[in-house]
Amino acid sequence: MTELPWANRHSPSLEDFEAMAADAFARLPAQFRERCGDLLIRVEDFPEESVLEDLEAETPFDILGLYQGVSLAGRDSAPPLGPDMVFLYRRPMLDYWAEFPDTLGGIVMHVLVHEIGHHFGLSDPDMEAIEAAAV
């Protein structure tokens, strides 16, 4: 009997996701990473209940990531009250991965770029270009 490659593997942990996020961030274009400054990247299993309520999410699986802070474009009118953060949500991303043909690393990269893009106030085409330029 042949052993299946996934038979003895576990789903990626929070630490595994942190490593994937760090790798994805390191592969972004240098000028993009430099502009991120002190942006914090956090990995959690699910969004907090208050986030789900604020975004009117039907389930905790509806949100793959979140930018929290004041975008660079909006800093003139509202100075930041705390650190800018990007949250990546492990369980919703695993659920998405199970449903679509994307790689897990590709999903992490996409969500990371999209959420950082909110920090910069970038358009979807700008974010797509940055994601495409990742090495």
C-alpha atoms as a PDB file:
ATOM      1  CA  MET A   1       0.000   0.000   0.000  1.00  0.00           C
ATOM      2  CA  THR A   2       1.369   3.433  -0.969  1.00  0.00           C
ATOM      3  CA  GLU A   3       1.457   6.151   1.679  1.00  0.00           C
ATOM      4  CA  LEU A   4      -0.401   9.265   0.566  1.00  0.00           C
ATOM      5  CA  PRO A   5       1.680  12.475   0.826  1.00  0.00           C
ATOM      6  CA  TRP A   6      -0.921  14.259   3.001  1.00  0.00           C
ATOM      7  CA  ALA A   7      -1.765  11.301   5.235  1.00  0.00           C
ATOM      8  CA  ASN A   8       0.579  12.294   8.059  1.00  0.00           C
ATOM      9  CA  ARG A   9       0.493  16.069   7.769  1.00  0.00           C
ATOM     10  CA  HIS A  10      -1.240  18.465  10.126  1.00  0.00           C
ATOM     11  CA  SER A  11      -2.915  21.706   9.149  1.00  0.00           C
ATOM     12  CA  PRO A  12      -0.574  24.712   9.380  1.00  0.00           C
ATOM     13  CA  SER A  13      -0.394  26.240  12.864  1.00  0.00           C
ATOM     14  CA  LEU A  14      -0.409  29.913  13.789  1.00  0.00           C
ATOM     15  CA  GLU A  15       3.396  29.714  13.851  1.00  0.00           C
ATOM     16  CA  ASP A  16       3.415  28.210  10.353  1.00  0.00           C
ATOM     17  CA  PHE A  17       1.222  31.081   9.146  1.00  0.00           C
ATOM     18  CA  GLU A  18       3.533  33.614  10.802  1.00  0.00           C
ATOM     19  CA  ALA A  19       6.446  32.049   8.912  1.00  0.00           C
ATOM     20  CA  MET A  20       4.461  32.163   5.628  1.00  0.00           C
ATOM     21  CA  ALA A  21       3.539  35.807   6.268  1.00  0.00           C
ATOM     22  CA  ALA A  22       7.170  36.711   7.028  1.00  0.00           C
ATOM     23  CA  ASP A  23       8.287  34.931   3.853  1.00  0.00           C
ATOM     24  CA  ALA A  24       5.590  36.646   1.770  1.00  0.00           C
ATOM     25  CA  PHE A  25       6.534  40.052   3.213  1.00  0.00           C
ATOM     26  CA  ALA A  26      10.237  39.422   2.501  1.00  0.00           C
ATOM     27  CA  ARG A  27       9.424  38.638  -1.151  1.00  0.00           C
ATOM     28  CA  LEU A  28       7.619  41.948  -1.738  1.00  0.00           C
ATOM     29  CA  PRO A  29       9.494  44.651  -3.663  1.00  0.00           C
ATOM     30  CA  ALA A  30      12.031  46.409  -1.401  1.00  0.00           C
ATOM     31  CA  GLN A  31      10.592  49.892  -1.952  1.00  0.00           C
ATOM     32  CA  PHE A  32       7.151  48.612  -0.925  1.00  0.00           C
ATOM     33  CA  ARG A  33       8.497  46.941   2.244  1.00  0.00           C
ATOM     34  CA  GLU A  34      10.464  50.069   3.179  1.00  0.00           C
ATOM     35  CA  ARG A  35       7.335  52.218   2.962  1.00  0.00           C
ATOM     36  CA  CYS A  36       5.604  49.901   5.461  1.00  0.00           C
ATOM     37  CA  GLY A  37       7.733  51.286   8.298  1.00  0.00           C
ATOM     38  CA  ASP A  38       6.582  49.928  11.655  1.00  0.00           C
ATOM     39  CA  LEU A  39       3.523  48.127  10.316  1.00  0.00           C
ATOM     40  CA  LEU A  40       2.808  45.069  12.492  1.00  0.00           C
ATOM     41  CA  ILE A  41       1.630  41.793  10.995  1.00  0.00           C
ATOM     42  CA  ARG A  42      -0.363  39.533  13.323  1.00  0.00           C
ATOM     43  CA  VAL A  43      -1.788  36.089  12.705  1.00  0.00           C
ATOM     44  CA  GLU A  44      -4.847  34.936  14.626  1.00  0.00           C
ATOM     45  CA  ASP A  45      -7.297  32.101  14.169  1.00  0.00           C
ATOM     46  CA  PHE A  46     -10.368  34.341  13.748  1.00  0.00           C
ATOM     47  CA  PRO A  47     -11.300  38.028  13.900  1.00  0.00           C
ATOM     48  CA  GLU A  48     -12.520  39.316  17.250  1.00  0.00           C
ATOM     49  CA  GLU A  49     -16.275  39.462  17.738  1.00  0.00           C
ATOM     50  CA  SER A  50     -16.231  43.287  17.596  1.00  0.00           C
ATOM     51  CA  VAL A  51     -14.571  43.143  14.157  1.00  0.00           C
ATOM     52  CA  LEU A  52     -17.204  40.718  12.905  1.00  0.00           C
ATOM     53  CA  GLU A  53     -19.941  43.034  14.164  1.00  0.00           C
ATOM     54  CA  ASP A  54     -18.325  46.190  12.731  1.00  0.00           C
ATOM     55  CA  LEU A  55     -17.941  44.576   9.306  1.00  0.00           C
ATOM     56  CA  GLU A  56     -21.357  42.917   9.507  1.00  0.00           C
ATOM     57  CA  ALA A  57     -19.845  39.523   8.760  1.00  0.00           C
ATOM     58  CA  GLU A  58     -22.273  36.625   8.652  1.00  0.00           C
ATOM     59  CA  THR A  59     -19.696  34.135   9.931  1.00  0.00           C
ATOM     60  CA  PRO A  60     -16.132  34.316  11.293  1.00  0.00           C
ATOM     61  CA  PHE A  61     -15.007  32.685   8.033  1.00  0.00           C
ATOM     62  CA  ASP A  62     -16.017  35.735   5.965  1.00  0.00           C
ATOM     63  CA  ILE A  63     -12.894  37.780   6.737  1.00  0.00           C
ATOM     64  CA  LEU A  64      -9.448  36.571   5.630  1.00  0.00           C
ATOM     65  CA  GLY A  65      -7.526  39.632   6.774  1.00  0.00           C
ATOM     66  CA  LEU A  66      -7.899  43.127   8.130  1.00  0.00           C
ATOM     67  CA  TYR A  67      -5.966  46.380   8.115  1.00  0.00           C
ATOM     68  CA  GLN A  68      -6.364  48.288  11.372  1.00  0.00           C
ATOM     69  CA  GLY A  69      -5.101  51.835  11.641  1.00  0.00           C
ATOM     70  CA  VAL A  70      -5.127  55.125   9.797  1.00  0.00           C
ATOM     71  CA  SER A  71      -4.092  54.828   6.164  1.00  0.00           C
ATOM     72  CA  LEU A  72      -1.182  56.960   5.028  1.00  0.00           C
ATOM     73  CA  ALA A  73      -3.593  58.868   2.796  1.00  0.00           C
ATOM     74  CA  GLY A  74      -5.792  59.758   5.780  1.00  0.00           C
ATOM     75  CA  ARG A  75      -3.088  60.797   8.259  1.00  0.00           C
ATOM     76  CA  ASP A  76      -3.474  64.513   7.573  1.00  0.00           C
ATOM     77  CA  SER A  77      -7.000  64.478   8.981  1.00  0.00           C
ATOM     78  CA  ALA A  78      -6.651  61.769  11.643  1.00  0.00           C
ATOM     79  CA  PRO A  79      -3.327  61.005  13.314  1.00  0.00           C
ATOM     80  CA  PRO A  80      -2.851  57.346  14.326  1.00  0.00           C
ATOM     81  CA  LEU A  81      -3.880  56.358  17.850  1.00  0.00           C
ATOM     82  CA  GLY A  82      -1.861  53.159  17.911  1.00  0.00           C
ATOM     83  CA  PRO A  83       0.342  51.037  15.688  1.00  0.00           C
ATOM     84  CA  ASP A  84      -0.853  50.174  12.210  1.00  0.00           C
ATOM     85  CA  MET A  85      -1.534  46.435  12.008  1.00  0.00           C
ATOM     86  CA  VAL A  86      -2.431  43.843   9.445  1.00  0.00           C
ATOM     87  CA  PHE A  87      -4.280  40.823  10.764  1.00  0.00           C
ATOM     88  CA  LEU A  88      -4.223  37.536   8.870  1.00  0.00           C
ATOM     89  CA  TYR A  89      -6.857  35.027   9.936  1.00  0.00           C
ATOM     90  CA  ARG A  90      -5.689  31.417   9.771  1.00  0.00           C
ATOM     91  CA  ARG A  91      -8.954  29.471   9.927  1.00  0.00           C
ATOM     92  CA  PRO A  92     -10.794  31.501   7.257  1.00  0.00           C
ATOM     93  CA  MET A  93      -7.746  31.208   4.978  1.00  0.00           C
ATOM     94  CA  LEU A  94      -7.615  27.442   5.514  1.00  0.00           C
ATOM     95  CA  ASP A  95     -11.312  27.254   4.665  1.00  0.00           C
ATOM     96  CA  TYR A  96     -10.755  29.332   1.510  1.00  0.00           C
ATOM     97  CA  TRP A  97      -7.784  27.125   0.574  1.00  0.00           C
ATOM     98  CA  ALA A  98      -9.944  24.007   0.872  1.00  0.00           C
ATOM     99  CA  GLU A  99     -12.543  25.470  -1.479  1.00  0.00           C
ATOM    100  CA  PHE A 100     -10.390  27.037  -4.221  1.00  0.00           C
ATOM    101  CA  PRO A 101      -7.410  25.841  -6.283  1.00  0.00           C
ATOM    102  CA  ASP A 102      -5.031  28.554  -4.992  1.00  0.00           C
ATOM    103  CA  THR A 103      -1.917  27.573  -3.050  1.00  0.00           C
ATOM    104  CA  LEU A 104      -1.891  28.436   0.637  1.00  0.00           C
ATOM    105  CA  GLY A 105       1.231  30.553   0.177  1.00  0.00           C
ATOM    106  CA  GLY A 106      -0.497  32.393  -2.656  1.00  0.00           C
ATOM    107  CA  ILE A 107      -3.522  33.104  -0.474  1.00  0.00           C
ATOM    108  CA  VAL A 108      -1.333  34.438   2.350  1.00  0.00           C
ATOM    109  CA  MET A 109       0.546  36.665  -0.126  1.00  0.00           C
ATOM    110  CA  HIS A 110      -2.672  37.956  -1.685  1.00  0.00           C
ATOM    111  CA  VAL A 111      -4.326  38.805   1.636  1.00  0.00           C
ATOM    112  CA  LEU A 112      -1.133  40.389   2.994  1.00  0.00           C
ATOM    113  CA  VAL A 113      -0.693  42.628  -0.064  1.00  0.00           C
ATOM    114  CA  HIS A 114      -4.379  43.536  -0.079  1.00  0.00           C
ATOM    115  CA  GLU A 115      -4.370  44.564   3.590  1.00  0.00           C
ATOM    116  CA  ILE A 116      -1.091  46.480   3.308  1.00  0.00           C
ATOM    117  CA  GLY A 117      -2.601  48.132   0.236  1.00  0.00           C
ATOM    118  CA  HIS A 118      -5.337  49.538   2.483  1.00  0.00           C
ATOM    119  CA  HIS A 119      -2.578  51.056   4.637  1.00  0.00           C
ATOM    120  CA  PHE A 120      -1.291  52.900   1.589  1.00  0.00           C
ATOM    121  CA  GLY A 121      -4.709  53.621   0.091  1.00  0.00           C
ATOM    122  CA  LEU A 122      -3.798  51.710  -3.091  1.00  0.00           C
ATOM    123  CA  SER A 123      -6.169  50.674  -5.854  1.00  0.00           C
ATOM    124  CA  ASP A 124      -6.809  47.028  -6.739  1.00  0.00           C
ATOM    125  CA  PRO A 125      -4.679  47.307  -9.927  1.00  0.00           C
ATOM    126  CA  ASP A 126      -1.800  48.767  -7.857  1.00  0.00           C
ATOM    127  CA  MET A 127      -2.061  45.874  -5.391  1.00  0.00           C
ATOM    128  CA  GLU A 128      -2.146  43.345  -8.243  1.00  0.00           C
ATOM    129  CA  ALA A 129       1.046  44.856  -9.683  1.00  0.00           C
ATOM    130  CA  ILE A 130       2.823  44.648  -6.319  1.00  0.00           C
ATOM    131  CA  GLU A 131       1.731  41.056  -5.854  1.00  0.00           C
ATOM    132  CA  ALA A 132       2.945  40.209  -9.360  1.00  0.00           C
ATOM    133  CA  ALA A 133       6.334  41.816  -8.612  1.00  0.00           C
ATOM    134  CA  ALA A 134       6.894  39.609  -5.535  1.00  0.00           C
ATOM    135  CA  VAL A 135       9.790  37.220  -6.037  1.00  0.00           C
END
